[in-house]
All heavy atoms as atom14 arrays in JSON, in Angstrom:
{
  "sequence": "LNPQGVFVTYSATGQLKRDLVKAGMTVETLPGPPGKKEMVRAIKN",
  "atom14_mask": [
    [1, 1, 1, 1, 1, 1, 1, 1, 0, 0, 0, 0, 0, 0],
    [1, 1, 1, 1, 1, 1, 1, 1, 0, 0, 0, 0, 0, 0],
    [1, 1, 1, 1, 1, 1, 1, 0, 0, 0, 0, 0, 0, 0],
    [1, 1, 1, 1, 1, 1, 1, 1, 1, 0, 0, 0, 0, 0],
    [1, 1, 1, 1, 0, 0, 0, 0, 0, 0, 0, 0, 0, 0],
    [1, 1, 1, 1, 1, 1, 1, 0, 0, 0, 0, 0, 0, 0],
    [1, 1, 1, 1, 1, 1, 1, 1, 1, 1, 1, 0, 0, 0],
    [1, 1, 1, 1, 1, 1, 1, 0, 0, 0, 0, 0, 0, 0],
    [1, 1, 1, 1, 1, 1, 1, 0, 0, 0, 0, 0, 0, 0],
    [1, 1, 1, 1, 1, 1, 1, 1, 1, 1, 1, 1, 0, 0],
    [1, 1, 1, 1, 1, 1, 0, 0, 0, 0, 0, 0, 0, 0],
    [1, 1, 1, 1, 1, 0, 0, 0, 0, 0, 0, 0, 0, 0],
    [1, 1, 1, 1, 1, 1, 1, 0, 0, 0, 0, 0, 0, 0],
    [1, 1, 1, 1, 0, 0, 0, 0, 0, 0, 0, 0, 0, 0],
    [1, 1, 1, 1, 1, 1, 1, 1, 1, 0, 0, 0, 0, 0],
    [1, 1, 1, 1, 1, 1, 1, 1, 0, 0, 0, 0, 0, 0],
    [1, 1, 1, 1, 1, 1, 1, 1, 1, 0, 0, 0, 0, 0],
    [1, 1, 1, 1, 1, 1, 1, 1, 1, 1, 1, 0, 0, 0],
    [1, 1, 1, 1, 1, 1, 1, 1, 0, 0, 0, 0, 0, 0],
    [1, 1, 1, 1, 1, 1, 1, 1, 0, 0, 0, 0, 0, 0],
    [1, 1, 1, 1, 1, 1, 1, 0, 0, 0, 0, 0, 0, 0],
    [1, 1, 1, 1, 1, 1, 1, 1, 1, 0, 0, 0, 0, 0],
    [1, 1, 1, 1, 1, 0, 0, 0, 0, 0, 0, 0, 0, 0],
    [1, 1, 1, 1, 0, 0, 0, 0, 0, 0, 0, 0, 0, 0],
    [1, 1, 1, 1, 1, 1, 1, 1, 0, 0, 0, 0, 0, 0],
    [1, 1, 1, 1, 1, 1, 1, 0, 0, 0, 0, 0, 0, 0],
    [1, 1, 1, 1, 1, 1, 1, 0, 0, 0, 0, 0, 0, 0],
    [1, 1, 1, 1, 1, 1, 1, 1, 1, 0, 0, 0, 0, 0],
    [1, 1, 1, 1, 1, 1, 1, 0, 0, 0, 0, 0, 0, 0],
    [1, 1, 1, 1, 1, 1, 1, 1, 0, 0, 0, 0, 0, 0],
    [1, 1, 1, 1, 1, 1, 1, 0, 0, 0, 0, 0, 0, 0],
    [1, 1, 1, 1, 0, 0, 0, 0, 0, 0, 0, 0, 0, 0],
    [1, 1, 1, 1, 1, 1, 1, 0, 0, 0, 0, 0, 0, 0],
    [1, 1, 1, 1, 1, 1, 1, 0, 0, 0, 0, 0, 0, 0],
    [1, 1, 1, 1, 0, 0, 0, 0, 0, 0, 0, 0, 0, 0],
    [1, 1, 1, 1, 1, 1, 1, 1, 1, 0, 0, 0, 0, 0],
    [1, 1, 1, 1, 1, 1, 1, 1, 1, 0, 0, 0, 0, 0],
    [1, 1, 1, 1, 1, 1, 1, 1, 1, 0, 0, 0, 0, 0],
    [1, 1, 1, 1, 1, 1, 1, 1, 0, 0, 0, 0, 0, 0],
    [1, 1, 1, 1, 1, 1, 1, 0, 0, 0, 0, 0, 0, 0],
    [1, 1, 1, 1, 1, 1, 1, 1, 1, 1, 1, 0, 0, 0],
    [1, 1, 1, 1, 1, 0, 0, 0, 0, 0, 0, 0, 0, 0],
    [1, 1, 1, 1, 1, 1, 1, 1, 0, 0, 0, 0, 0, 0],
    [1, 1, 1, 1, 1, 1, 1, 1, 1, 0, 0, 0, 0, 0],
    [1, 1, 1, 1, 1, 1, 1, 1, 0, 0, 0, 0, 0, 0]
  ],
  "atom14_positions": [
    [[-32.56, 105.2, 99.11], [-31.65, 104.41, 98.4], [-30.7, 103.58, 99.29], [-30.42, 104.01, 100.42], [-30.71, 105.28, 97.55], [-31.31, 105.96, 96.31], [-30.4, 107.07, 95.83], [-31.41, 104.87, 95.22], [0.0, 0.0, 0.0], [0.0, 0.0, 0.0], [0.0, 0.0, 0.0], [0.0, 0.0, 0.0], [0.0, 0.0, 0.0], [0.0, 0.0, 0.0]],
    [[-30.33, 102.45, 98.84], [-29.34, 101.73, 99.51], [-27.95, 102.33, 99.36], [-27.8, 103.25, 98.48], [-29.09, 100.3, 98.83], [-30.25, 99.34, 99.21], [-30.58, 99.2, 100.4], [-30.86, 98.75, 98.23], [0.0, 0.0, 0.0], [0.0, 0.0, 0.0], [0.0, 0.0, 0.0], [0.0, 0.0, 0.0], [0.0, 0.0, 0.0], [0.0, 0.0, 0.0]],
    [[-26.94, 102.07, 100.22], [-25.52, 102.59, 100.0], [-25.09, 102.3, 98.51], [-25.31, 101.19, 97.96], [-24.81, 101.92, 101.02], [-25.74, 101.49, 102.1], [-26.94, 101.3, 101.45], [0.0, 0.0, 0.0], [0.0, 0.0, 0.0], [0.0, 0.0, 0.0], [0.0, 0.0, 0.0], [0.0, 0.0, 0.0], [0.0, 0.0, 0.0], [0.0, 0.0, 0.0]],
    [[-24.52, 103.37, 97.86], [-24.09, 103.21, 96.52], [-25.24, 103.17, 95.48], [-25.08, 102.98, 94.38], [-23.14, 102.01, 96.22], [-21.87, 101.99, 97.12], [-21.06, 103.21, 96.93], [-20.69, 103.62, 95.82], [-20.8, 103.92, 98.04], [0.0, 0.0, 0.0], [0.0, 0.0, 0.0], [0.0, 0.0, 0.0], [0.0, 0.0, 0.0], [0.0, 0.0, 0.0]],
    [[-26.41, 103.51, 96.01], [-27.59, 103.67, 95.15], [-27.41, 104.85, 94.26], [-26.71, 105.78, 94.55], [0.0, 0.0, 0.0], [0.0, 0.0, 0.0], [0.0, 0.0, 0.0], [0.0, 0.0, 0.0], [0.0, 0.0, 0.0], [0.0, 0.0, 0.0], [0.0, 0.0, 0.0], [0.0, 0.0, 0.0], [0.0, 0.0, 0.0], [0.0, 0.0, 0.0]],
    [[-28.18, 104.83, 93.18], [-28.03, 105.82, 92.11], [-29.33, 106.71, 91.97], [-30.46, 106.13, 91.84], [-27.75, 105.2, 90.78], [-27.6, 106.19, 89.67], [-26.49, 104.33, 90.88], [0.0, 0.0, 0.0], [0.0, 0.0, 0.0], [0.0, 0.0, 0.0], [0.0, 0.0, 0.0], [0.0, 0.0, 0.0], [0.0, 0.0, 0.0], [0.0, 0.0, 0.0]],
    [[-29.17, 107.97, 91.93], [-30.28, 108.93, 91.65], [-29.96, 109.55, 90.33], [-28.95, 110.15, 90.1], [-30.2, 109.98, 92.84], [-31.28, 111.11, 92.65], [-32.31, 111.2, 93.46], [-30.98, 112.13, 91.71], [-33.23, 112.23, 93.28], [-31.96, 113.17, 91.47], [-33.06, 113.22, 92.35], [0.0, 0.0, 0.0], [0.0, 0.0, 0.0], [0.0, 0.0, 0.0]],
    [[-30.97, 109.52, 89.45], [-30.78, 110.08, 88.14], [-31.92, 110.94, 87.78], [-33.06, 110.66, 88.14], [-30.52, 109.07, 87.0], [-29.14, 108.61, 86.98], [-31.54, 107.85, 87.06], [0.0, 0.0, 0.0], [0.0, 0.0, 0.0], [0.0, 0.0, 0.0], [0.0, 0.0, 0.0], [0.0, 0.0, 0.0], [0.0, 0.0, 0.0], [0.0, 0.0, 0.0]],
    [[-31.67, 112.1, 87.05], [-32.79, 112.94, 86.63], [-32.2, 113.72, 85.45], [-30.98, 113.94, 85.25], [-33.16, 113.92, 87.66], [-34.25, 114.7, 87.21], [-32.04, 114.84, 88.14], [0.0, 0.0, 0.0], [0.0, 0.0, 0.0], [0.0, 0.0, 0.0], [0.0, 0.0, 0.0], [0.0, 0.0, 0.0], [0.0, 0.0, 0.0], [0.0, 0.0, 0.0]],
    [[-33.08, 114.24, 84.63], [-32.75, 115.12, 83.44], [-32.32, 116.47, 83.84], [-31.64, 117.31, 83.15], [-33.99, 115.22, 82.51], [-35.11, 115.9, 83.08], [-35.35, 117.18, 83.08], [-36.09, 115.03, 83.79], [-36.32, 117.83, 83.71], [-37.17, 115.66, 84.4], [-37.32, 117.04, 84.33], [-38.37, 117.65, 85.02], [0.0, 0.0, 0.0], [0.0, 0.0, 0.0]],
    [[-32.73, 116.93, 85.08], [-32.44, 118.23, 85.58], [-30.98, 118.38, 86.0], [-30.43, 117.41, 86.46], [-33.37, 118.7, 86.76], [-33.14, 120.02, 87.24], [0.0, 0.0, 0.0], [0.0, 0.0, 0.0], [0.0, 0.0, 0.0], [0.0, 0.0, 0.0], [0.0, 0.0, 0.0], [0.0, 0.0, 0.0], [0.0, 0.0, 0.0], [0.0, 0.0, 0.0]],
    [[-30.51, 119.63, 85.87], [-29.04, 119.83, 86.32], [-28.92, 121.27, 86.94], [-27.92, 121.83, 86.72], [-28.11, 119.57, 85.13], [0.0, 0.0, 0.0], [0.0, 0.0, 0.0], [0.0, 0.0, 0.0], [0.0, 0.0, 0.0], [0.0, 0.0, 0.0], [0.0, 0.0, 0.0], [0.0, 0.0, 0.0], [0.0, 0.0, 0.0], [0.0, 0.0, 0.0]],
    [[-29.93, 121.64, 87.67], [-29.79, 122.96, 88.33], [-28.74, 123.0, 89.4], [-28.53, 121.95, 90.07], [-31.18, 123.43, 88.84], [-31.51, 122.56, 90.0], [-32.31, 123.39, 87.81], [0.0, 0.0, 0.0], [0.0, 0.0, 0.0], [0.0, 0.0, 0.0], [0.0, 0.0, 0.0], [0.0, 0.0, 0.0], [0.0, 0.0, 0.0], [0.0, 0.0, 0.0]],
    [[-28.27, 124.1, 89.65], [-27.27, 124.27, 90.75], [-27.87, 123.92, 92.05], [-27.22, 123.41, 93.0], [0.0, 0.0, 0.0], [0.0, 0.0, 0.0], [0.0, 0.0, 0.0], [0.0, 0.0, 0.0], [0.0, 0.0, 0.0], [0.0, 0.0, 0.0], [0.0, 0.0, 0.0], [0.0, 0.0, 0.0], [0.0, 0.0, 0.0], [0.0, 0.0, 0.0]],
    [[-29.14, 124.39, 92.27], [-29.77, 124.15, 93.59], [-29.99, 122.62, 93.71], [-29.79, 122.14, 94.92], [-31.14, 124.84, 93.66], [-31.73, 124.78, 94.96], [-30.97, 125.36, 96.09], [-30.57, 126.43, 95.99], [-30.61, 124.51, 97.15], [0.0, 0.0, 0.0], [0.0, 0.0, 0.0], [0.0, 0.0, 0.0], [0.0, 0.0, 0.0], [0.0, 0.0, 0.0]],
    [[-30.37, 121.94, 92.7], [-30.53, 120.49, 92.83], [-29.17, 119.79, 93.32], [-29.13, 118.88, 94.18], [-31.01, 119.86, 91.56], [-31.12, 118.35, 91.49], [-32.0, 117.79, 92.48], [-31.36, 117.84, 90.08], [0.0, 0.0, 0.0], [0.0, 0.0, 0.0], [0.0, 0.0, 0.0], [0.0, 0.0, 0.0], [0.0, 0.0, 0.0], [0.0, 0.0, 0.0]],
    [[-28.08, 120.14, 92.64], [-26.86, 119.63, 92.97], [-26.48, 119.95, 94.42], [-25.95, 118.99, 95.11], [-25.79, 120.17, 91.99], [-25.92, 119.77, 90.61], [-24.93, 120.47, 89.66], [-25.21, 120.24, 88.29], [-24.28, 121.07, 87.38], [0.0, 0.0, 0.0], [0.0, 0.0, 0.0], [0.0, 0.0, 0.0], [0.0, 0.0, 0.0], [0.0, 0.0, 0.0]],
    [[-26.63, 121.08, 94.81], [-26.39, 121.4, 96.22], [-27.14, 120.63, 97.24], [-26.71, 120.12, 98.25], [-26.6, 122.93, 96.51], [-25.51, 123.79, 95.81], [-25.64, 125.24, 96.21], [-26.83, 125.93, 95.73], [-26.98, 126.54, 94.52], [-25.93, 126.52, 93.68], [-28.09, 127.06, 94.12], [0.0, 0.0, 0.0], [0.0, 0.0, 0.0], [0.0, 0.0, 0.0]],
    [[-28.48, 120.44, 96.87], [-29.39, 119.67, 97.76], [-29.02, 118.19, 97.77], [-29.09, 117.49, 98.81], [-30.78, 119.82, 97.26], [-31.4, 121.22, 97.64], [-30.87, 121.83, 98.46], [-32.47, 121.54, 96.98], [0.0, 0.0, 0.0], [0.0, 0.0, 0.0], [0.0, 0.0, 0.0], [0.0, 0.0, 0.0], [0.0, 0.0, 0.0], [0.0, 0.0, 0.0]],
    [[-28.49, 117.77, 96.68], [-28.12, 116.26, 96.66], [-26.86, 116.16, 97.53], [-26.74, 115.04, 98.27], [-27.83, 115.79, 95.23], [-29.07, 115.57, 94.44], [-28.69, 115.55, 92.89], [-29.83, 114.37, 94.81], [0.0, 0.0, 0.0], [0.0, 0.0, 0.0], [0.0, 0.0, 0.0], [0.0, 0.0, 0.0], [0.0, 0.0, 0.0], [0.0, 0.0, 0.0]],
    [[-25.89, 116.99, 97.52], [-24.78, 116.93, 98.32], [-25.17, 117.01, 99.8], [-24.7, 116.22, 100.59], [-23.72, 118.09, 97.96], [-22.55, 118.13, 98.95], [-23.13, 117.9, 96.48], [0.0, 0.0, 0.0], [0.0, 0.0, 0.0], [0.0, 0.0, 0.0], [0.0, 0.0, 0.0], [0.0, 0.0, 0.0], [0.0, 0.0, 0.0], [0.0, 0.0, 0.0]],
    [[-25.99, 117.9, 100.11], [-26.48, 118.09, 101.47], [-27.25, 116.84, 101.92], [-27.25, 116.42, 103.09], [-27.51, 119.36, 101.53], [-28.02, 119.57, 102.85], [-28.87, 120.79, 102.8], [-29.45, 121.11, 104.15], [-30.43, 122.38, 104.12], [0.0, 0.0, 0.0], [0.0, 0.0, 0.0], [0.0, 0.0, 0.0], [0.0, 0.0, 0.0], [0.0, 0.0, 0.0]],
    [[-27.8, 116.08, 100.98], [-28.52, 114.85, 101.35], [-27.64, 113.57, 101.33], [-28.11, 112.49, 101.55], [-29.65, 114.55, 100.3], [0.0, 0.0, 0.0], [0.0, 0.0, 0.0], [0.0, 0.0, 0.0], [0.0, 0.0, 0.0], [0.0, 0.0, 0.0], [0.0, 0.0, 0.0], [0.0, 0.0, 0.0], [0.0, 0.0, 0.0], [0.0, 0.0, 0.0]],
    [[-26.33, 113.9, 101.27], [-25.36, 112.78, 101.49], [-25.02, 112.04, 100.14], [-24.53, 110.88, 100.19], [0.0, 0.0, 0.0], [0.0, 0.0, 0.0], [0.0, 0.0, 0.0], [0.0, 0.0, 0.0], [0.0, 0.0, 0.0], [0.0, 0.0, 0.0], [0.0, 0.0, 0.0], [0.0, 0.0, 0.0], [0.0, 0.0, 0.0], [0.0, 0.0, 0.0]],
    [[-25.09, 112.73, 99.04], [-24.8, 112.14, 97.68], [-23.52, 112.68, 97.11], [-23.21, 113.87, 97.36], [-26.0, 112.35, 96.78], [-27.4, 112.0, 97.33], [-27.64, 110.18, 97.46], [-27.84, 109.74, 95.7], [0.0, 0.0, 0.0], [0.0, 0.0, 0.0], [0.0, 0.0, 0.0], [0.0, 0.0, 0.0], [0.0, 0.0, 0.0], [0.0, 0.0, 0.0]],
    [[-22.88, 111.86, 96.31], [-21.89, 112.38, 95.44], [-22.34, 112.64, 94.09], [-22.93, 111.77, 93.38], [-20.62, 111.37, 95.3], [-20.17, 111.13, 96.67], [-19.57, 111.76, 94.39], [0.0, 0.0, 0.0], [0.0, 0.0, 0.0], [0.0, 0.0, 0.0], [0.0, 0.0, 0.0], [0.0, 0.0, 0.0], [0.0, 0.0, 0.0], [0.0, 0.0, 0.0]],
    [[-22.21, 113.87, 93.65], [-22.89, 114.36, 92.41], [-21.98, 114.33, 91.18], [-20.92, 114.8, 91.21], [-23.5, 115.67, 92.66], [-24.19, 116.21, 91.44], [-24.53, 115.74, 93.8], [0.0, 0.0, 0.0], [0.0, 0.0, 0.0], [0.0, 0.0, 0.0], [0.0, 0.0, 0.0], [0.0, 0.0, 0.0], [0.0, 0.0, 0.0], [0.0, 0.0, 0.0]],
    [[-22.54, 113.85, 90.11], [-21.91, 113.89, 88.82], [-22.7, 114.65, 87.8], [-23.93, 114.41, 87.76], [-21.72, 112.41, 88.24], [-20.85, 111.53, 89.03], [-20.9, 110.13, 88.55], [-19.95, 109.88, 87.65], [-21.7, 109.35, 88.84], [0.0, 0.0, 0.0], [0.0, 0.0, 0.0], [0.0, 0.0, 0.0], [0.0, 0.0, 0.0], [0.0, 0.0, 0.0]],
    [[-22.15, 115.65, 87.05], [-22.75, 116.21, 86.01], [-22.41, 115.54, 84.72], [-21.18, 115.53, 84.35], [-22.35, 117.8, 85.98], [-22.76, 118.29, 87.26], [-23.21, 118.48, 84.88], [0.0, 0.0, 0.0], [0.0, 0.0, 0.0], [0.0, 0.0, 0.0], [0.0, 0.0, 0.0], [0.0, 0.0, 0.0], [0.0, 0.0, 0.0], [0.0, 0.0, 0.0]],
    [[-23.39, 114.97, 84.03], [-23.04, 114.24, 82.83], [-23.62, 114.96, 81.56], [-24.55, 115.81, 81.69], [-23.69, 112.82, 82.93], [-23.31, 112.02, 84.14], [-24.15, 110.72, 84.08], [-21.79, 111.69, 84.16], [0.0, 0.0, 0.0], [0.0, 0.0, 0.0], [0.0, 0.0, 0.0], [0.0, 0.0, 0.0], [0.0, 0.0, 0.0], [0.0, 0.0, 0.0]],
    [[-23.16, 114.68, 80.42], [-23.78, 115.17, 79.21], [-25.23, 114.73, 79.16], [-25.58, 113.6, 79.38], [-22.98, 114.52, 78.08], [-21.66, 114.1, 78.71], [-21.99, 113.76, 80.08], [0.0, 0.0, 0.0], [0.0, 0.0, 0.0], [0.0, 0.0, 0.0], [0.0, 0.0, 0.0], [0.0, 0.0, 0.0], [0.0, 0.0, 0.0], [0.0, 0.0, 0.0]],
    [[-26.06, 115.71, 78.77], [-27.49, 115.51, 78.63], [-27.87, 114.77, 77.4], [-27.04, 114.64, 76.5], [0.0, 0.0, 0.0], [0.0, 0.0, 0.0], [0.0, 0.0, 0.0], [0.0, 0.0, 0.0], [0.0, 0.0, 0.0], [0.0, 0.0, 0.0], [0.0, 0.0, 0.0], [0.0, 0.0, 0.0], [0.0, 0.0, 0.0], [0.0, 0.0, 0.0]],
    [[-29.11, 114.48, 77.22], [-29.62, 113.94, 75.96], [-29.61, 114.99, 74.87], [-29.4, 116.17, 75.17], [-31.14, 113.45, 76.29], [-31.4, 114.4, 77.45], [-30.17, 114.62, 78.2], [0.0, 0.0, 0.0], [0.0, 0.0, 0.0], [0.0, 0.0, 0.0], [0.0, 0.0, 0.0], [0.0, 0.0, 0.0], [0.0, 0.0, 0.0], [0.0, 0.0, 0.0]],
    [[-29.93, 114.6, 73.6], [-29.89, 115.57, 72.61], [-30.85, 116.81, 72.96], [-31.91, 116.62, 73.43], [-30.46, 114.85, 71.34], [-30.01, 113.44, 71.61], [-30.15, 113.22, 73.09], [0.0, 0.0, 0.0], [0.0, 0.0, 0.0], [0.0, 0.0, 0.0], [0.0, 0.0, 0.0], [0.0, 0.0, 0.0], [0.0, 0.0, 0.0], [0.0, 0.0, 0.0]],
    [[-30.27, 118.07, 72.72], [-31.01, 119.29, 73.03], [-30.82, 119.72, 74.43], [-31.26, 120.84, 74.81], [0.0, 0.0, 0.0], [0.0, 0.0, 0.0], [0.0, 0.0, 0.0], [0.0, 0.0, 0.0], [0.0, 0.0, 0.0], [0.0, 0.0, 0.0], [0.0, 0.0, 0.0], [0.0, 0.0, 0.0], [0.0, 0.0, 0.0], [0.0, 0.0, 0.0]],
    [[-30.1, 118.97, 75.3], [-29.92, 119.42, 76.62], [-28.38, 119.19, 77.02], [-27.9, 118.05, 76.84], [-30.78, 118.65, 77.63], [-30.78, 119.12, 79.04], [-31.87, 118.44, 79.88], [-31.84, 118.97, 81.31], [-31.92, 120.48, 81.47], [0.0, 0.0, 0.0], [0.0, 0.0, 0.0], [0.0, 0.0, 0.0], [0.0, 0.0, 0.0], [0.0, 0.0, 0.0]],
    [[-27.83, 120.29, 77.56], [-26.39, 120.19, 77.79], [-25.99, 119.25, 78.81], [-24.99, 118.44, 78.68], [-25.93, 121.6, 78.02], [-24.3, 121.68, 78.24], [-23.92, 123.08, 78.47], [-22.46, 123.21, 78.78], [-21.99, 124.6, 79.07], [0.0, 0.0, 0.0], [0.0, 0.0, 0.0], [0.0, 0.0, 0.0], [0.0, 0.0, 0.0], [0.0, 0.0, 0.0]],
    [[-26.75, 119.22, 79.98], [-26.24, 118.48, 81.08], [-27.46, 117.69, 81.75], [-28.65, 118.05, 81.49], [-25.68, 119.34, 82.16], [-24.47, 120.07, 81.71], [-23.9, 121.01, 82.76], [-24.66, 121.51, 83.6], [-22.75, 121.36, 82.64], [0.0, 0.0, 0.0], [0.0, 0.0, 0.0], [0.0, 0.0, 0.0], [0.0, 0.0, 0.0], [0.0, 0.0, 0.0]],
    [[-27.11, 116.64, 82.54], [-28.03, 115.95, 83.34], [-27.35, 115.56, 84.66], [-26.08, 115.82, 84.7], [-28.61, 114.65, 82.78], [-27.48, 113.67, 82.43], [-28.1, 111.94, 82.14], [-28.41, 111.43, 83.89], [0.0, 0.0, 0.0], [0.0, 0.0, 0.0], [0.0, 0.0, 0.0], [0.0, 0.0, 0.0], [0.0, 0.0, 0.0], [0.0, 0.0, 0.0]],
    [[-27.96, 115.04, 85.65], [-27.32, 114.74, 86.88], [-27.5, 113.31, 87.31], [-28.56, 112.74, 87.13], [-27.89, 115.58, 88.08], [-27.7, 115.01, 89.46], [-27.33, 117.02, 88.0], [0.0, 0.0, 0.0], [0.0, 0.0, 0.0], [0.0, 0.0, 0.0], [0.0, 0.0, 0.0], [0.0, 0.0, 0.0], [0.0, 0.0, 0.0], [0.0, 0.0, 0.0]],
    [[-26.42, 112.62, 87.82], [-26.45, 111.41, 88.45], [-25.72, 111.58, 89.83], [-24.68, 112.28, 89.82], [-25.66, 110.43, 87.65], [-25.53, 108.96, 88.25], [-25.07, 107.9, 87.33], [-23.67, 108.19, 86.94], [-23.06, 107.73, 85.88], [-23.78, 106.9, 85.03], [-21.77, 107.98, 85.56], [0.0, 0.0, 0.0], [0.0, 0.0, 0.0], [0.0, 0.0, 0.0]],
    [[-26.33, 111.01, 90.81], [-25.69, 111.09, 92.14], [-25.67, 109.8, 92.77], [-26.62, 108.9, 92.66], [-26.48, 112.1, 92.92], [0.0, 0.0, 0.0], [0.0, 0.0, 0.0], [0.0, 0.0, 0.0], [0.0, 0.0, 0.0], [0.0, 0.0, 0.0], [0.0, 0.0, 0.0], [0.0, 0.0, 0.0], [0.0, 0.0, 0.0], [0.0, 0.0, 0.0]],
    [[-24.54, 109.49, 93.54], [-24.34, 108.18, 94.1], [-24.43, 108.44, 95.69], [-23.78, 109.29, 96.15], [-22.99, 107.52, 93.79], [-22.8, 107.58, 92.16], [-22.9, 106.22, 94.31], [-23.84, 106.87, 91.47], [0.0, 0.0, 0.0], [0.0, 0.0, 0.0], [0.0, 0.0, 0.0], [0.0, 0.0, 0.0], [0.0, 0.0, 0.0], [0.0, 0.0, 0.0]],
    [[-25.14, 107.55, 96.27], [-25.28, 107.63, 97.82], [-23.98, 107.2, 98.53], [-23.48, 106.08, 98.22], [-26.46, 106.8, 98.29], [-26.73, 107.02, 99.75], [-28.11, 106.44, 100.17], [-28.45, 106.74, 101.67], [-29.8, 106.2, 101.96], [0.0, 0.0, 0.0], [0.0, 0.0, 0.0], [0.0, 0.0, 0.0], [0.0, 0.0, 0.0], [0.0, 0.0, 0.0]],
    [[-23.52, 108.01, 99.38], [-22.24, 107.86, 100.17], [-22.47, 106.66, 101.11], [-23.56, 106.4, 101.64], [-21.81, 109.12, 100.84], [-21.44, 110.12, 99.77], [-20.95, 109.88, 98.7], [-21.7, 111.4, 100.14], [0.0, 0.0, 0.0], [0.0, 0.0, 0.0], [0.0, 0.0, 0.0], [0.0, 0.0, 0.0], [0.0, 0.0, 0.0], [0.0, 0.0, 0.0]]
  ]
}
């Protein structure tokens, strides 16, 4: 990703969030689509 690039996925596991932070991303937990409580968006620092 370029700086400020966006990573999005339907998954919202705790391990994924920790790995994204470790990879230099700022993580957001967003409301998921119908039937799923959460999803993840992360922005590259």
